[in-house]
Amino acid sequence: MNTESAMSKSASRDVQKSTPENIAWVSPRVDIYENTEEFLLLFDVPGATLESVQVELHRNELTLEAKADIGRNSRGYRRAFQVPDGIRADAVAAELRNGILQVHLPKSAEEKPRKIRIEAPN
C-alpha cells in the first residue's frame, strides 16, 4: 500500500551531472511506503549491477545513481529526495534484487508512535 507521507510529500528531483560517457540518464520510477518503523523506497533500475549502484545520504538528501548496459545501449539512473528529519542515518540499508533497489530509511525512536497508557481515577 503506497501511503501519502512526509517522504512522498518531500521534494524529489532529477540529478543531472555532466559526464564524458555517452549515457542516456533517466529518472527511475519509485514507490514510497511508510510504516511505524521506516520509510521504504523501491526504485526500478532494470539492468543495473550491484557494482554500479551508489546510494548516498548527506544531511537530509538521499541520492541514487546507477548504470545499466542493456544490449548496445547504456542507461543511467539518477534521482534525489529530501528526506524528513528523524531518519537514523547510521542504519540506512539498501539491497538490489531483480532490477529493484530497496532503500530502508529507519525512523528514530522520537519519530515512532508511542502508546499512552490511560489510567482510571482512584
PDB file of N, CA and C in Angstrom:
ATOM      1  N   MET A   1       0.843  -1.178   0.000  1.00  0.00           N
ATOM      2  CA  MET A   1       0.000   0.000   0.000  1.00  0.00           C
ATOM      3  C   MET A   1       0.883   1.233   0.000  1.00  0.00           C
ATOM      4  N   ASN A   2       0.747   2.057  -0.988  1.00  0.00           N
ATOM      5  CA  ASN A   2       1.520   3.280  -1.107  1.00  0.00           C
ATOM      6  C   ASN A   2       0.828   4.347  -0.278  1.00  0.00           C
ATOM      7  N   THR A   3       1.527   4.959   0.659  1.00  0.00           N
ATOM      8  CA  THR A   3       0.905   5.923   1.553  1.00  0.00           C
ATOM      9  C   THR A   3       1.349   7.328   1.219  1.00  0.00           C
ATOM     10  N   GLU A   4       0.495   8.291   1.512  1.00  0.00           N
ATOM     11  CA  GLU A   4       0.847   9.697   1.401  1.00  0.00           C
ATOM     12  C   GLU A   4       1.572  10.037   2.687  1.00  0.00           C
ATOM     13  N   SER A   5       2.845  10.318   2.630  1.00  0.00           N
ATOM     14  CA  SER A   5       3.634  10.516   3.838  1.00  0.00           C
ATOM     15  C   SER A   5       4.524  11.729   3.691  1.00  0.00           C
ATOM     16  N   ALA A   6       5.222  12.026   4.769  1.00  0.00           N
ATOM     17  CA  ALA A   6       6.185  13.121   4.734  1.00  0.00           C
ATOM     18  C   ALA A   6       7.235  12.868   3.670  1.00  0.00           C
ATOM     19  N   MET A   7       7.591  11.611   3.467  1.00  0.00           N
ATOM     20  CA  MET A   7       8.598  11.274   2.465  1.00  0.00           C
ATOM     21  C   MET A   7       8.079  11.553   1.068  1.00  0.00           C
ATOM     22  N   SER A   8       6.852  11.155   0.770  1.00  0.00           N
ATOM     23  CA  SER A   8       6.331  11.349  -0.580  1.00  0.00           C
ATOM     24  C   SER A   8       5.966  12.801  -0.839  1.00  0.00           C
ATOM     25  N   LYS A   9       5.725  13.575   0.206  1.00  0.00           N
ATOM     26  CA  LYS A   9       5.434  14.989   0.039  1.00  0.00           C
ATOM     27  C   LYS A   9       6.721  15.798  -0.117  1.00  0.00           C
ATOM     28  N   SER A  10       7.859  15.206   0.229  1.00  0.00           N
ATOM     29  CA  SER A  10       9.117  15.934   0.139  1.00  0.00           C
ATOM     30  C   SER A  10       9.540  16.086  -1.312  1.00  0.00           C
ATOM     31  N   ALA A  11      10.481  16.960  -1.510  1.00  0.00           N
ATOM     32  CA  ALA A  11      10.928  17.253  -2.872  1.00  0.00           C
ATOM     33  C   ALA A  11      11.694  16.076  -3.458  1.00  0.00           C
ATOM     34  N   SER A  12      11.365  15.745  -4.666  1.00  0.00           N
ATOM     35  CA  SER A  12      12.104  14.765  -5.449  1.00  0.00           C
ATOM     36  C   SER A  12      12.598  15.494  -6.677  1.00  0.00           C
ATOM     37  N   ARG A  13      13.827  15.221  -7.054  1.00  0.00           N
ATOM     38  CA  ARG A  13      14.324  15.903  -8.237  1.00  0.00           C
ATOM     39  C   ARG A  13      15.268  14.996  -8.993  1.00  0.00           C
ATOM     40  N   ASP A  14      15.372  15.278 -10.277  1.00  0.00           N
ATOM     41  CA  ASP A  14      16.361  14.596 -11.095  1.00  0.00           C
ATOM     42  C   ASP A  14      17.716  15.213 -10.784  1.00  0.00           C
ATOM     43  N   VAL A  15      18.738  14.390 -10.777  1.00  0.00           N
ATOM     44  CA  VAL A  15      20.086  14.875 -10.544  1.00  0.00           C
ATOM     45  C   VAL A  15      20.814  14.817 -11.867  1.00  0.00           C
ATOM     46  N   GLN A  16      21.295  15.933 -12.334  1.00  0.00           N
ATOM     47  CA  GLN A  16      21.991  15.968 -13.613  1.00  0.00           C
ATOM     48  C   GLN A  16      23.456  16.322 -13.382  1.00  0.00           C
ATOM     49  N   LYS A  17      24.334  15.496 -13.847  1.00  0.00           N
ATOM     50  CA  LYS A  17      25.770  15.749 -13.824  1.00  0.00           C
ATOM     51  C   LYS A  17      26.263  15.576 -15.253  1.00  0.00           C
ATOM     52  N   SER A  18      27.233  16.364 -15.614  1.00  0.00           N
ATOM     53  CA  SER A  18      27.793  16.160 -16.944  1.00  0.00           C
ATOM     54  C   SER A  18      28.880  15.095 -16.837  1.00  0.00           C
ATOM     55  N   THR A  19      28.837  14.125 -17.723  1.00  0.00           N
ATOM     56  CA  THR A  19      29.820  13.054 -17.741  1.00  0.00           C
ATOM     57  C   THR A  19      30.331  12.873 -19.155  1.00  0.00           C
ATOM     58  N   PRO A  20      31.559  12.406 -19.287  1.00  0.00           N
ATOM     59  CA  PRO A  20      32.105  12.205 -20.618  1.00  0.00           C
ATOM     60  C   PRO A  20      31.506  10.986 -21.314  1.00  0.00           C
ATOM     61  N   GLU A  21      30.827  10.114 -20.576  1.00  0.00           N
ATOM     62  CA  GLU A  21      30.260   8.902 -21.151  1.00  0.00           C
ATOM     63  C   GLU A  21      29.018   9.240 -21.972  1.00  0.00           C
ATOM     64  N   ASN A  22      28.724   8.408 -22.922  1.00  0.00           N
ATOM     65  CA  ASN A  22      27.522   8.590 -23.735  1.00  0.00           C
ATOM     66  C   ASN A  22      26.415   7.728 -23.129  1.00  0.00           C
ATOM     67  N   ILE A  23      25.810   8.246 -22.064  1.00  0.00           N
ATOM     68  CA  ILE A  23      24.786   7.503 -21.329  1.00  0.00           C
ATOM     69  C   ILE A  23      23.488   8.305 -21.353  1.00  0.00           C
ATOM     70  N   ALA A  24      22.388   7.628 -21.608  1.00  0.00           N
ATOM     71  CA  ALA A  24      21.067   8.263 -21.526  1.00  0.00           C
ATOM     72  C   ALA A  24      20.618   8.207 -20.071  1.00  0.00           C
ATOM     73  N   TRP A  25      20.574   9.353 -19.394  1.00  0.00           N
ATOM     74  CA  TRP A  25      20.200   9.408 -17.981  1.00  0.00           C
ATOM     75  C   TRP A  25      18.697   9.573 -17.860  1.00  0.00           C
ATOM     76  N   VAL A  26      18.092   8.763 -17.002  1.00  0.00           N
ATOM     77  CA  VAL A  26      16.650   8.841 -16.757  1.00  0.00           C
ATOM     78  C   VAL A  26      16.402   8.862 -15.255  1.00  0.00           C
ATOM     79  N   SER A  27      15.231   9.328 -14.898  1.00  0.00           N
ATOM     80  CA  SER A  27      14.803   9.330 -13.506  1.00  0.00           C
ATOM     81  C   SER A  27      14.014   8.048 -13.252  1.00  0.00           C
ATOM     82  N   PRO A  28      14.505   7.164 -12.391  1.00  0.00           N
ATOM     83  CA  PRO A  28      13.799   5.895 -12.200  1.00  0.00           C
ATOM     84  C   PRO A  28      12.468   6.079 -11.471  1.00  0.00           C
ATOM     85  N   ARG A  29      11.535   5.218 -11.796  1.00  0.00           N
ATOM     86  CA  ARG A  29      10.250   5.187 -11.087  1.00  0.00           C
ATOM     87  C   ARG A  29      10.515   4.732  -9.655  1.00  0.00           C
ATOM     88  N   VAL A  30       9.797   5.299  -8.708  1.00  0.00           N
ATOM     89  CA  VAL A  30       9.983   4.926  -7.304  1.00  0.00           C
ATOM     90  C   VAL A  30       8.624   4.805  -6.627  1.00  0.00           C
ATOM     91  N   ASP A  31       8.491   3.793  -5.781  1.00  0.00           N
ATOM     92  CA  ASP A  31       7.336   3.637  -4.901  1.00  0.00           C
ATOM     93  C   ASP A  31       7.827   3.906  -3.491  1.00  0.00           C
ATOM     94  N   ILE A  32       7.038   4.646  -2.719  1.00  0.00           N
ATOM     95  CA  ILE A  32       7.419   5.014  -1.357  1.00  0.00           C
ATOM     96  C   ILE A  32       6.367   4.478  -0.400  1.00  0.00           C
ATOM     97  N   TYR A  33       6.835   3.753   0.597  1.00  0.00           N
ATOM     98  CA  TYR A  33       5.962   3.182   1.622  1.00  0.00           C
ATOM     99  C   TYR A  33       6.428   3.674   2.986  1.00  0.00           C
ATOM    100  N   GLU A  34       5.494   3.785   3.905  1.00  0.00           N
ATOM    101  CA  GLU A  34       5.824   4.176   5.268  1.00  0.00           C
ATOM    102  C   GLU A  34       5.074   3.285   6.240  1.00  0.00           C
ATOM    103  N   ASN A  35       5.786   2.842   7.272  1.00  0.00           N
ATOM    104  CA  ASN A  35       5.146   2.164   8.390  1.00  0.00           C
ATOM    105  C   ASN A  35       5.696   2.778   9.672  1.00  0.00           C
ATOM    106  N   THR A  36       5.388   2.227  10.811  1.00  0.00           N
ATOM    107  CA  THR A  36       5.820   2.836  12.068  1.00  0.00           C
ATOM    108  C   THR A  36       7.328   2.760  12.264  1.00  0.00           C
ATOM    109  N   GLU A  37       7.992   1.838  11.583  1.00  0.00           N
ATOM    110  CA  GLU A  37       9.429   1.632  11.783  1.00  0.00           C
ATOM    111  C   GLU A  37      10.314   2.358  10.783  1.00  0.00           C
ATOM    112  N   GLU A  38       9.826   2.536   9.540  1.00  0.00           N
ATOM    113  CA  GLU A  38      10.717   3.039   8.500  1.00  0.00           C
ATOM    114  C   GLU A  38       9.961   3.591   7.305  1.00  0.00           C
ATOM    115  N   PHE A  39      10.715   4.260   6.444  1.00  0.00           N
ATOM    116  CA  PHE A  39      10.288   4.553   5.081  1.00  0.00           C
ATOM    117  C   PHE A  39      10.982   3.521   4.209  1.00  0.00           C
ATOM    118  N   LEU A  40      10.294   3.029   3.205  1.00  0.00           N
ATOM    119  CA  LEU A  40      10.868   2.071   2.267  1.00  0.00           C
ATOM    120  C   LEU A  40      10.680   2.637   0.867  1.00  0.00           C
ATOM    121  N   LEU A  41      11.791   2.783   0.138  1.00  0.00           N
ATOM    122  CA  LEU A  41      11.751   3.276  -1.232  1.00  0.00           C
ATOM    123  C   LEU A  41      12.132   2.142  -2.160  1.00  0.00           C
ATOM    124  N   LEU A  42      11.334   1.924  -3.200  1.00  0.00           N
ATOM    125  CA  LEU A  42      11.600   0.879  -4.191  1.00  0.00           C
ATOM    126  C   LEU A  42      11.834   1.561  -5.538  1.00  0.00           C
ATOM    127  N   PHE A  43      13.067   1.501  -6.009  1.00  0.00           N
ATOM    128  CA  PHE A  43      13.456   2.118  -7.276  1.00  0.00           C
ATOM    129  C   PHE A  43      13.515   1.058  -8.361  1.00  0.00           C
ATOM    130  N   ASP A  44      12.951   1.352  -9.524  1.00  0.00           N
ATOM    131  CA  ASP A  44      13.059   0.472 -10.694  1.00  0.00           C
ATOM    132  C   ASP A  44      14.342   0.832 -11.437  1.00  0.00           C
ATOM    133  N   VAL A  45      15.326  -0.071 -11.402  1.00  0.00           N
ATOM    134  CA  VAL A  45      16.603   0.153 -12.079  1.00  0.00           C
ATOM    135  C   VAL A  45      16.991  -1.093 -12.883  1.00  0.00           C
ATOM    136  N   PRO A  46      16.167  -1.473 -13.882  1.00  0.00           N
ATOM    137  CA  PRO A  46      16.454  -2.694 -14.632  1.00  0.00           C
ATOM    138  C   PRO A  46      17.816  -2.625 -15.315  1.00  0.00           C
ATOM    139  N   GLY A  47      18.542  -3.730 -15.219  1.00  0.00           N
ATOM    140  CA  GLY A  47      19.846  -3.827 -15.852  1.00  0.00           C
ATOM    141  C   GLY A  47      20.994  -3.303 -15.019  1.00  0.00           C
ATOM    142  N   ALA A  48      20.705  -2.601 -13.920  1.00  0.00           N
ATOM    143  CA  ALA A  48      21.773  -2.074 -13.066  1.00  0.00           C
ATOM    144  C   ALA A  48      22.459  -3.214 -12.329  1.00  0.00           C
ATOM    145  N   THR A  49      23.762  -3.077 -12.172  1.00  0.00           N
ATOM    146  CA  THR A  49      24.530  -4.071 -11.421  1.00  0.00           C
ATOM    147  C   THR A  49      24.849  -3.535 -10.039  1.00  0.00           C
ATOM    148  N   LEU A  50      25.106  -4.434  -9.127  1.00  0.00           N
ATOM    149  CA  LEU A  50      25.444  -4.056  -7.759  1.00  0.00           C
ATOM    150  C   LEU A  50      26.633  -3.102  -7.736  1.00  0.00           C
ATOM    151  N   GLU A  51      27.610  -3.343  -8.601  1.00  0.00           N
ATOM    152  CA  GLU A  51      28.816  -2.524  -8.635  1.00  0.00           C
ATOM    153  C   GLU A  51      28.539  -1.104  -9.124  1.00  0.00           C
ATOM    154  N   SER A  52      27.474  -0.926  -9.902  1.00  0.00           N
ATOM    155  CA  SER A  52      27.206   0.392 -10.483  1.00  0.00           C
ATOM    156  C   SER A  52      26.293   1.262  -9.631  1.00  0.00           C
ATOM    157  N   VAL A  53      25.688   0.697  -8.604  1.00  0.00           N
ATOM    158  CA  VAL A  53      24.710   1.444  -7.808  1.00  0.00           C
ATOM    159  C   VAL A  53      25.411   2.199  -6.685  1.00  0.00           C
ATOM    160  N   GLN A  54      25.049   3.473  -6.556  1.00  0.00           N
ATOM    161  CA  GLN A  54      25.527   4.297  -5.442  1.00  0.00           C
ATOM    162  C   GLN A  54      24.325   4.952  -4.781  1.00  0.00           C
ATOM    163  N   VAL A  55      24.252   4.816  -3.471  1.00  0.00           N
ATOM    164  CA  VAL A  55      23.205   5.469  -2.694  1.00  0.00           C
ATOM    165  C   VAL A  55      23.913   6.269  -1.615  1.00  0.00           C
ATOM    166  N   GLU A  56      23.580   7.544  -1.525  1.00  0.00           N
ATOM    167  CA  GLU A  56      24.208   8.410  -0.523  1.00  0.00           C
ATOM    168  C   GLU A  56      23.137   9.179   0.233  1.00  0.00           C
ATOM    169  N   LEU A  57      23.382   9.359   1.525  1.00  0.00           N
ATOM    170  CA  LEU A  57      22.529  10.205   2.357  1.00  0.00           C
ATOM    171  C   LEU A  57      23.431  11.261   2.965  1.00  0.00           C
ATOM    172  N   HIS A  58      23.219  12.505   2.558  1.00  0.00           N
ATOM    173  CA  HIS A  58      24.011  13.622   3.077  1.00  0.00           C
ATOM    174  C   HIS A  58      23.047  14.656   3.621  1.00  0.00           C
ATOM    175  N   ARG A  59      23.185  14.900   4.905  1.00  0.00           N
ATOM    176  CA  ARG A  59      22.220  15.733   5.618  1.00  0.00           C
ATOM    177  C   ARG A  59      20.835  15.153   5.381  1.00  0.00           C
ATOM    178  N   ASN A  60      19.958  15.856   4.743  1.00  0.00           N
ATOM    179  CA  ASN A  60      18.613  15.328   4.508  1.00  0.00           C
ATOM    180  C   ASN A  60      18.363  15.027   3.037  1.00  0.00           C
ATOM    181  N   GLU A  61      19.415  14.773   2.267  1.00  0.00           N
ATOM    182  CA  GLU A  61      19.225  14.467   0.857  1.00  0.00           C
ATOM    183  C   GLU A  61      19.713  13.053   0.559  1.00  0.00           C
ATOM    184  N   LEU A  62      18.801  12.252   0.017  1.00  0.00           N
ATOM    185  CA  LEU A  62      19.120  10.898  -0.422  1.00  0.00           C
ATOM    186  C   LEU A  62      19.308  10.946  -1.930  1.00  0.00           C
ATOM    187  N   THR A  63      20.453  10.438  -2.410  1.00  0.00           N
ATOM    188  CA  THR A  63      20.754  10.457  -3.839  1.00  0.00           C
ATOM    189  C   THR A  63      21.030   9.048  -4.315  1.00  0.00           C
ATOM    190  N   LEU A  64      20.451   8.706  -5.462  1.00  0.00           N
ATOM    191  CA  LEU A  64      20.652   7.405  -6.095  1.00  0.00           C
ATOM    192  C   LEU A  64      21.283   7.631  -7.453  1.00  0.00           C
ATOM    193  N   GLU A  65      22.276   6.813  -7.784  1.00  0.00           N
ATOM    194  CA  GLU A  65      22.839   6.786  -9.133  1.00  0.00           C
ATOM    195  C   GLU A  65      23.175   5.339  -9.461  1.00  0.00           C
ATOM    196  N   ALA A  66      22.822   4.918 -10.671  1.00  0.00           N
ATOM    197  CA  ALA A  66      23.111   3.543 -11.121  1.00  0.00           C
ATOM    198  C   ALA A  66      23.284   3.551 -12.628  1.00  0.00           C
ATOM    199  N   LYS A  67      24.024   2.570 -13.121  1.00  0.00           N
ATOM    200  CA  LYS A  67      24.237   2.432 -14.562  1.00  0.00           C
ATOM    201  C   LYS A  67      23.852   1.030 -14.993  1.00  0.00           C
ATOM    202  N   ALA A  68      23.359   0.945 -16.232  1.00  0.00           N
ATOM    203  CA  ALA A  68      22.945  -0.342 -16.784  1.00  0.00           C
ATOM    204  C   ALA A  68      23.358  -0.410 -18.241  1.00  0.00           C
ATOM    205  N   ASP A  69      23.844  -1.550 -18.656  1.00  0.00           N
ATOM    206  CA  ASP A  69      24.117  -1.803 -20.062  1.00  0.00           C
ATOM    207  C   ASP A  69      23.053  -2.775 -20.550  1.00  0.00           C
ATOM    208  N   ILE A  70      22.215  -2.300 -21.434  1.00  0.00           N
ATOM    209  CA  ILE A  70      21.128  -3.117 -21.976  1.00  0.00           C
ATOM    210  C   ILE A  70      21.383  -3.251 -23.474  1.00  0.00           C
ATOM    211  N   GLY A  71      21.911  -4.400 -23.865  1.00  0.00           N
ATOM    212  CA  GLY A  71      22.277  -4.583 -25.267  1.00  0.00           C
ATOM    213  C   GLY A  71      23.397  -3.636 -25.637  1.00  0.00           C
ATOM    214  N   ARG A  72      23.211  -2.875 -26.704  1.00  0.00           N
ATOM    215  CA  ARG A  72      24.216  -1.902 -27.125  1.00  0.00           C
ATOM    216  C   ARG A  72      24.014  -0.549 -26.462  1.00  0.00           C
ATOM    217  N   ASN A  73      22.960  -0.407 -25.690  1.00  0.00           N
ATOM    218  CA  ASN A  73      22.629   0.884 -25.083  1.00  0.00           C
ATOM    219  C   ASN A  73      23.099   0.955 -23.641  1.00  0.00           C
ATOM    220  N   SER A  74      23.566   2.118 -23.256  1.00  0.00           N
ATOM    221  CA  SER A  74      23.909   2.377 -21.857  1.00  0.00           C
ATOM    222  C   SER A  74      22.865   3.328 -21.299  1.00  0.00           C
ATOM    223  N   ARG A  75      22.412   3.022 -20.120  1.00  0.00           N
ATOM    224  CA  ARG A  75      21.404   3.844 -19.462  1.00  0.00           C
ATOM    225  C   ARG A  75      21.888   4.141 -18.050  1.00  0.00           C
ATOM    226  N   GLY A  76      21.606   5.333 -17.604  1.00  0.00           N
ATOM    227  CA  GLY A  76      21.930   5.714 -16.238  1.00  0.00           C
ATOM    228  C   GLY A  76      20.680   6.157 -15.521  1.00  0.00           C
ATOM    229  N   TYR A  77      20.638   5.905 -14.229  1.00  0.00           N
ATOM    230  CA  TYR A  77      19.502   6.298 -13.399  1.00  0.00           C
ATOM    231  C   TYR A  77      20.015   7.280 -12.350  1.00  0.00           C
ATOM    232  N   ARG A  78      19.298   8.375 -12.184  1.00  0.00           N
ATOM    233  CA  ARG A  78      19.628   9.355 -11.150  1.00  0.00           C
ATOM    234  C   ARG A  78      18.343   9.907 -10.554  1.00  0.00           C
ATOM    235  N   ARG A  79      18.350  10.023  -9.230  1.00  0.00           N
ATOM    236  CA  ARG A  79      17.189  10.603  -8.547  1.00  0.00           C
ATOM    237  C   ARG A  79      17.635  11.055  -7.169  1.00  0.00           C
ATOM    238  N   ALA A  80      17.049  12.126  -6.678  1.00  0.00           N
ATOM    239  CA  ALA A  80      17.366  12.626  -5.339  1.00  0.00           C
ATOM    240  C   ALA A  80      16.079  13.011  -4.624  1.00  0.00           C
ATOM    241  N   PHE A  81      16.079  12.819  -3.315  1.00  0.00           N
ATOM    242  CA  PHE A  81      14.935  13.142  -2.467  1.00  0.00           C
ATOM    243  C   PHE A  81      15.400  13.898  -1.239  1.00  0.00           C
ATOM    244  N   GLN A  82      14.561  14.809  -0.789  1.00  0.00           N
ATOM    245  CA  GLN A  82      14.743  15.402   0.526  1.00  0.00           C
ATOM    246  C   GLN A  82      14.013  14.481   1.497  1.00  0.00           C
ATOM    247  N   VAL A  83      14.718  13.975   2.491  1.00  0.00           N
ATOM    248  CA  VAL A  83      14.094  13.076   3.460  1.00  0.00           C
ATOM    249  C   VAL A  83      13.769  13.857   4.730  1.00  0.00           C
ATOM    250  N   PRO A  84      12.750  13.459   5.448  1.00  0.00           N
ATOM    251  CA  PRO A  84      12.365  14.180   6.661  1.00  0.00           C
ATOM    252  C   PRO A  84      13.387  13.999   7.774  1.00  0.00           C
ATOM    253  N   ASP A  85      13.350  14.904   8.720  1.00  0.00           N
ATOM    254  CA  ASP A  85      14.177  14.743   9.926  1.00  0.00           C
ATOM    255  C   ASP A  85      13.734  13.478  10.641  1.00  0.00           C
ATOM    256  N   GLY A  86      14.602  12.938  11.469  1.00  0.00           N
ATOM    257  CA  GLY A  86      14.239  11.768  12.247  1.00  0.00           C
ATOM    258  C   GLY A  86      14.604  10.450  11.602  1.00  0.00           C
ATOM    259  N   ILE A  87      15.434  10.476  10.562  1.00  0.00           N
ATOM    260  CA  ILE A  87      15.919   9.239   9.944  1.00  0.00           C
ATOM    261  C   ILE A  87      17.236   8.856  10.618  1.00  0.00           C
ATOM    262  N   ARG A  88      17.378   7.600  10.960  1.00  0.00           N
ATOM    263  CA  ARG A  88      18.622   7.102  11.571  1.00  0.00           C
ATOM    264  C   ARG A  88      19.643   6.840  10.455  1.00  0.00           C
ATOM    265  N   ALA A  89      20.459   7.838  10.168  1.00  0.00           N
ATOM    266  CA  ALA A  89      21.408   7.764   9.055  1.00  0.00           C
ATOM    267  C   ALA A  89      22.369   6.588   9.199  1.00  0.00           C
ATOM    268  N   ASP A  90      22.716   6.234  10.423  1.00  0.00           N
ATOM    269  CA  ASP A  90      23.667   5.134  10.654  1.00  0.00           C
ATOM    270  C   ASP A  90      23.053   3.761  10.380  1.00  0.00           C
ATOM    271  N   ALA A  91      21.744   3.696  10.194  1.00  0.00           N
ATOM    272  CA  ALA A  91      21.079   2.408   9.994  1.00  0.00           C
ATOM    273  C   ALA A  91      20.423   2.280   8.614  1.00  0.00           C
ATOM    274  N   VAL A  92      20.668   3.235   7.729  1.00  0.00           N
ATOM    275  CA  VAL A  92      20.098   3.153   6.378  1.00  0.00           C
ATOM    276  C   VAL A  92      20.719   1.947   5.680  1.00  0.00           C
ATOM    277  N   ALA A  93      19.882   1.178   4.984  1.00  0.00           N
ATOM    278  CA  ALA A  93      20.356  -0.027   4.294  1.00  0.00           C
ATOM    279  C   ALA A  93      19.716  -0.089   2.915  1.00  0.00           C
ATOM    280  N   ALA A  94      20.408  -0.779   1.989  1.00  0.00           N
ATOM    281  CA  ALA A  94      19.884  -0.929   0.636  1.00  0.00           C
ATOM    282  C   ALA A  94      20.225  -2.312   0.114  1.00  0.00           C
ATOM    283  N   GLU A  95      19.368  -2.800  -0.781  1.00  0.00           N
ATOM    284  CA  GLU A  95      19.630  -4.088  -1.428  1.00  0.00           C
ATOM    285  C   GLU A  95      19.086  -4.040  -2.849  1.00  0.00           C
ATOM    286  N   LEU A  96      19.781  -4.709  -3.747  1.00  0.00           N
ATOM    287  CA  LEU A  96      19.397  -4.757  -5.150  1.00  0.00           C
ATOM    288  C   LEU A  96      19.030  -6.185  -5.505  1.00  0.00           C
ATOM    289  N   ARG A  97      17.807  -6.356  -6.028  1.00  0.00           N
ATOM    290  CA  ARG A  97      17.349  -7.693  -6.398  1.00  0.00           C
ATOM    291  C   ARG A  97      16.419  -7.585  -7.599  1.00  0.00           C
ATOM    292  N   ASN A  98      16.763  -8.290  -8.670  1.00  0.00           N
ATOM    293  CA  ASN A  98      15.909  -8.371  -9.867  1.00  0.00           C
ATOM    294  C   ASN A  98      15.523  -6.995 -10.416  1.00  0.00           C
ATOM    295  N   GLY A  99      16.484  -6.070 -10.460  1.00  0.00           N
ATOM    296  CA  GLY A  99      16.221  -4.756 -11.026  1.00  0.00           C
ATOM    297  C   GLY A  99      15.471  -3.798 -10.124  1.00  0.00           C
ATOM    298  N   ILE A 100      15.259  -4.184  -8.875  1.00  0.00           N
ATOM    299  CA  ILE A 100      14.587  -3.322  -7.896  1.00  0.00           C
ATOM    300  C   ILE A 100      15.575  -3.006  -6.780  1.00  0.00           C
ATOM    301  N   LEU A 101      15.820  -1.725  -6.572  1.00  0.00           N
ATOM    302  CA  LEU A 101      16.661  -1.290  -5.464  1.00  0.00           C
ATOM    303  C   LEU A 101      15.755  -0.896  -4.308  1.00  0.00           C
ATOM    304  N   GLN A 102      15.926  -1.577  -3.167  1.00  0.00           N
ATOM    305  CA  GLN A 102      15.154  -1.267  -1.963  1.00  0.00           C
ATOM    306  C   GLN A 102      16.044  -0.458  -1.035  1.00  0.00           C
ATOM    307  N   VAL A 103      15.564   0.701  -0.605  1.00  0.00           N
ATOM    308  CA  VAL A 103      16.294   1.531   0.342  1.00  0.00           C
ATOM    309  C   VAL A 103      15.440   1.662   1.591  1.00  0.00           C
ATOM    310  N   HIS A 104      15.999   1.216   2.719  1.00  0.00           N
ATOM    311  CA  HIS A 104      15.312   1.263   4.009  1.00  0.00           C
ATOM    312  C   HIS A 104      15.834   2.469   4.790  1.00  0.00           C
ATOM    313  N   LEU A 105      14.912   3.341   5.187  1.00  0.00           N
ATOM    314  CA  LEU A 105      15.255   4.520   5.973  1.00  0.00           C
ATOM    315  C   LEU A 105      14.571   4.402   7.335  1.00  0.00           C
ATOM    316  N   PRO A 106      15.271   3.813   8.319  1.00  0.00           N
ATOM    317  CA  PRO A 106      14.642   3.615   9.632  1.00  0.00           C
ATOM    318  C   PRO A 106      14.393   4.938  10.365  1.00  0.00           C
ATOM    319  N   LYS A 107      13.285   4.985  11.066  1.00  0.00           N
ATOM    320  CA  LYS A 107      12.939   6.171  11.847  1.00  0.00           C
ATOM    321  C   LYS A 107      13.617   6.109  13.210  1.00  0.00           C
ATOM    322  N   SER A 108      13.947   7.280  13.742  1.00  0.00           N
ATOM    323  CA  SER A 108      14.498   7.337  15.092  1.00  0.00           C
ATOM    324  C   SER A 108      13.368   7.089  16.085  1.00  0.00           C
ATOM    325  N   ALA A 109      13.739   6.768  17.314  1.00  0.00           N
ATOM    326  CA  ALA A 109      12.744   6.472  18.355  1.00  0.00           C
ATOM    327  C   ALA A 109      11.790   7.647  18.566  1.00  0.00           C
ATOM    328  N   GLU A 110      12.294   8.868  18.426  1.00  0.00           N
ATOM    329  CA  GLU A 110      11.456  10.054  18.623  1.00  0.00           C
ATOM    330  C   GLU A 110      10.369  10.167  17.560  1.00  0.00           C
ATOM    331  N   GLU A 111      10.583   9.589  16.399  1.00  0.00           N
ATOM    332  CA  GLU A 111       9.632   9.688  15.292  1.00  0.00           C
ATOM    333  C   GLU A 111       8.577   8.577  15.307  1.00  0.00           C
ATOM    334  N   LYS A 112       8.820   7.532  16.085  1.00  0.00           N
ATOM    335  CA  LYS A 112       7.883   6.414  16.125  1.00  0.00           C
ATOM    336  C   LYS A 112       6.715   6.734  17.051  1.00  0.00           C
ATOM    337  N   PRO A 113       5.534   6.237  16.729  1.00  0.00           N
ATOM    338  CA  PRO A 113       4.391   6.467  17.609  1.00  0.00           C
ATOM    339  C   PRO A 113       4.605   5.790  18.969  1.00  0.00           C
ATOM    340  N   ARG A 114       4.071   6.403  19.994  1.00  0.00           N
ATOM    341  CA  ARG A 114       4.190   5.854  21.335  1.00  0.00           C
ATOM    342  C   ARG A 114       2.799   5.731  21.921  1.00  0.00           C
ATOM    343  N   LYS A 115       2.515   4.561  22.490  1.00  0.00           N
ATOM    344  CA  LYS A 115       1.200   4.340  23.116  1.00  0.00           C
ATOM    345  C   LYS A 115       1.192   5.016  24.492  1.00  0.00           C
ATOM    346  N   ILE A 116       0.093   5.640  24.781  1.00  0.00           N
ATOM    347  CA  ILE A 116      -0.090   6.320  26.059  1.00  0.00           C
ATOM    348  C   ILE A 116      -1.043   5.481  26.894  1.00  0.00           C
ATOM    349  N   ARG A 117      -0.588   5.099  28.068  1.00  0.00           N
ATOM    350  CA  ARG A 117      -1.432   4.313  28.969  1.00  0.00           C
ATOM    351  C   ARG A 117      -2.461   5.227  29.624  1.00  0.00           C
ATOM    352  N   ILE A 118      -3.690   4.777  29.641  1.00  0.00           N
ATOM    353  CA  ILE A 118      -4.782   5.550  30.228  1.00  0.00           C
ATOM    354  C   ILE A 118      -5.126   4.906  31.575  1.00  0.00           C
ATOM    355  N   GLU A 119      -5.156   5.744  32.593  1.00  0.00           N
ATOM    356  CA  GLU A 119      -5.437   5.236  33.931  1.00  0.00           C
ATOM    357  C   GLU A 119      -6.804   5.724  34.395  1.00  0.00           C
ATOM    358  N   ALA A 120      -7.465   4.896  35.179  1.00  0.00           N
ATOM    359  CA  ALA A 120      -8.751   5.280  35.775  1.00  0.00           C
ATOM    360  C   ALA A 120      -8.475   6.041  37.058  1.00  0.00           C
ATOM    361  N   PRO A 121      -9.300   7.059  37.373  1.00  0.00           N
ATOM    362  CA  PRO A 121      -9.095   7.790  38.635  1.00  0.00           C
ATOM    363  C   PRO A 121      -9.365   6.879  39.822  1.00  0.00           C
ATOM    364  N   ASN A 122      -8.673   7.136  40.915  1.00  0.00           N
ATOM    365  CA  ASN A 122      -8.833   6.323  42.140  1.00  0.00           C
ATOM    366  C   ASN A 122     -10.078   6.668  42.884  1.00  0.00           C
TER     367      ASN A 122
END
